[in-house]
């Protein structure tokens, strides 16, 4: 099993639209995508976590965050990046993305929004 080390991260895209006219309870849907690109010759991987929160009418409220992480990868064999290692990348990035989403939701006038951690089995296959 390989070793994963998070070297750095950044917000590569951030969109926030708050057209809510009144405060109150809102119903948000969420969507998440996660991918990892492994560079075998360099022992590096780039993971991208995209998180979207929005209302049915996206002109009222939507938030899109694209978060990238750079990882040093050690001990990967045969140039393959196992699913378990991809999940470690997700586990390293998701708390930071969740923190940004919580802060943006509060600063945009909503109550604190917490995004549930997703099951990545279908994504990392």
Protein backbone atom coordinates (compact mmCIF):
# COMPACT_ATOMS: atom_id res chain seq x y z
CA UNK A 1 0.00 0.00 0.00
CA UNK A 2 1.29 3.45 -0.92
CA UNK A 3 1.84 6.52 1.18
CA UNK A 4 -0.02 9.73 0.35
CA UNK A 5 1.19 13.16 1.48
CA UNK A 6 -0.79 16.34 0.83
CA UNK A 7 1.71 18.96 -0.35
CA UNK A 8 -0.68 21.81 -1.04
CA UNK A 9 -4.16 22.82 -2.12
CA UNK A 10 -5.98 25.71 -3.71
CA UNK A 11 -9.38 26.93 -4.76
CA UNK A 12 -9.31 26.79 -8.54
CA UNK A 13 -12.89 27.96 -9.02
CA UNK A 14 -15.46 29.57 -6.77
CA UNK A 15 -18.93 30.73 -7.75
CA UNK A 16 -21.48 32.10 -5.33
CA UNK A 17 -24.85 33.57 -6.23
CA UNK A 18 -27.18 34.69 -3.48
CA UNK A 19 -30.38 36.15 -4.87
CA UNK A 20 -32.48 35.31 -1.82
CA UNK A 21 -34.70 38.21 -0.91
CA UNK A 22 -35.70 36.98 2.54
CA UNK A 23 -34.07 35.02 5.27
CA UNK A 24 -35.60 31.75 6.30
CA UNK A 25 -35.40 28.07 5.64
CA UNK A 26 -34.19 27.01 2.20
CA UNK A 27 -33.91 23.60 0.62
CA UNK A 28 -30.56 22.94 -1.03
CA UNK A 29 -29.48 20.04 -3.17
CA UNK A 30 -25.85 19.04 -3.46
CA UNK A 31 -23.71 17.33 -6.02
CA UNK A 32 -20.09 16.26 -5.75
CA UNK A 33 -17.50 15.00 -8.20
CA UNK A 34 -14.03 13.76 -7.38
CA UNK A 35 -11.18 12.70 -9.63
CA UNK A 36 -7.49 11.94 -9.27
CA UNK A 37 -4.86 12.16 -11.98
CA UNK A 38 -1.67 10.22 -11.21
CA UNK A 39 1.68 11.12 -12.76
CA UNK A 40 3.65 7.84 -12.48
CA UNK A 41 7.03 9.20 -13.57
CA UNK A 42 6.89 11.98 -10.99
CA UNK A 43 5.25 10.16 -8.03
CA UNK A 44 2.69 12.98 -7.96
CA UNK A 45 -1.09 13.08 -8.08
CA UNK A 46 -3.55 15.91 -8.56
CA UNK A 47 -6.96 15.45 -6.96
CA UNK A 48 -9.94 17.63 -7.86
CA UNK A 49 -13.01 17.91 -5.64
CA UNK A 50 -16.00 19.76 -7.10
CA UNK A 51 -18.85 20.58 -4.75
CA UNK A 52 -22.12 22.20 -5.85
CA UNK A 53 -24.93 23.39 -3.60
CA UNK A 54 -28.02 25.02 -5.00
CA UNK A 55 -31.73 25.55 -5.00
CA UNK A 56 -34.03 24.23 -7.69
CA UNK A 57 -34.08 27.79 -9.04
CA UNK A 58 -30.32 28.40 -9.33
CA UNK A 59 -30.89 32.14 -9.82
CA UNK A 60 -31.85 32.31 -6.12
CA UNK A 61 -28.85 30.52 -4.61
CA UNK A 62 -25.96 28.42 -5.84
CA UNK A 63 -22.44 27.75 -4.69
CA UNK A 64 -19.79 25.91 -6.65
CA UNK A 65 -16.36 25.15 -5.23
CA UNK A 66 -13.56 23.44 -7.16
CA UNK A 67 -10.76 22.45 -4.81
CA UNK A 68 -7.45 20.97 -6.03
CA UNK A 69 -4.86 19.12 -4.00
CA UNK A 70 -1.31 18.18 -4.94
CA UNK A 71 -0.08 14.93 -3.43
CA UNK A 72 3.25 13.15 -3.24
CA UNK A 73 2.62 9.45 -3.77
CA UNK A 74 5.05 6.82 -2.55
CA UNK A 75 4.97 3.06 -3.03
CA UNK A 76 2.56 2.84 -5.97
CA UNK A 77 3.36 -0.20 -8.11
CA UNK A 78 2.82 -0.96 -11.79
CA UNK A 79 1.83 2.65 -12.49
CA UNK A 80 -1.63 2.03 -11.02
CA UNK A 81 -3.20 4.27 -8.44
CA UNK A 82 -5.38 2.00 -6.26
CA UNK A 83 -8.86 3.01 -5.17
CA UNK A 84 -7.79 3.03 -1.52
CA UNK A 85 -5.14 5.66 -2.27
CA UNK A 86 -7.66 7.78 -4.17
CA UNK A 87 -9.95 7.64 -1.14
CA UNK A 88 -7.06 8.85 1.04
CA UNK A 89 -6.75 11.88 -1.25
CA UNK A 90 -10.46 12.58 -0.83
CA UNK A 91 -10.22 12.15 2.94
CA UNK A 92 -7.37 14.69 3.00
CA UNK A 93 -9.16 17.32 0.89
CA UNK A 94 -12.78 17.09 2.01
CA UNK A 95 -12.38 18.71 5.48
CA UNK A 96 -10.84 21.83 3.91
CA UNK A 97 -13.58 22.08 1.28
CA UNK A 98 -16.25 21.58 3.95
CA UNK A 99 -14.74 24.40 6.02
CA UNK A 100 -14.85 26.79 3.04
CA UNK A 101 -18.48 25.87 2.30
CA UNK A 102 -19.48 26.40 5.94
CA UNK A 103 -17.79 29.80 6.04
CA UNK A 104 -19.29 30.94 2.71
CA UNK A 105 -22.78 29.83 3.72
CA UNK A 106 -22.60 31.85 6.93
CA UNK A 107 -21.11 34.91 5.21
CA UNK A 108 -23.83 34.81 2.55
CA UNK A 109 -26.56 35.03 5.19
CA UNK A 110 -27.56 31.37 5.41
CA UNK A 111 -27.34 29.21 8.43
CA UNK A 112 -24.22 27.08 8.53
CA UNK A 113 -24.36 24.46 5.78
CA UNK A 114 -22.66 21.12 6.34
CA UNK A 115 -22.10 18.82 3.39
CA UNK A 116 -22.33 15.12 4.09
CA UNK A 117 -19.30 13.07 3.15
CA UNK A 118 -20.08 11.03 0.05
CA UNK A 119 -19.51 7.35 -0.65
CA UNK A 120 -16.94 7.37 -3.45
CA UNK A 121 -17.13 3.72 -4.46
CA UNK A 122 -18.84 4.45 -7.82
CA UNK A 123 -16.61 7.46 -8.52
CA UNK A 124 -13.19 5.89 -7.98
CA UNK A 125 -13.78 2.60 -9.74
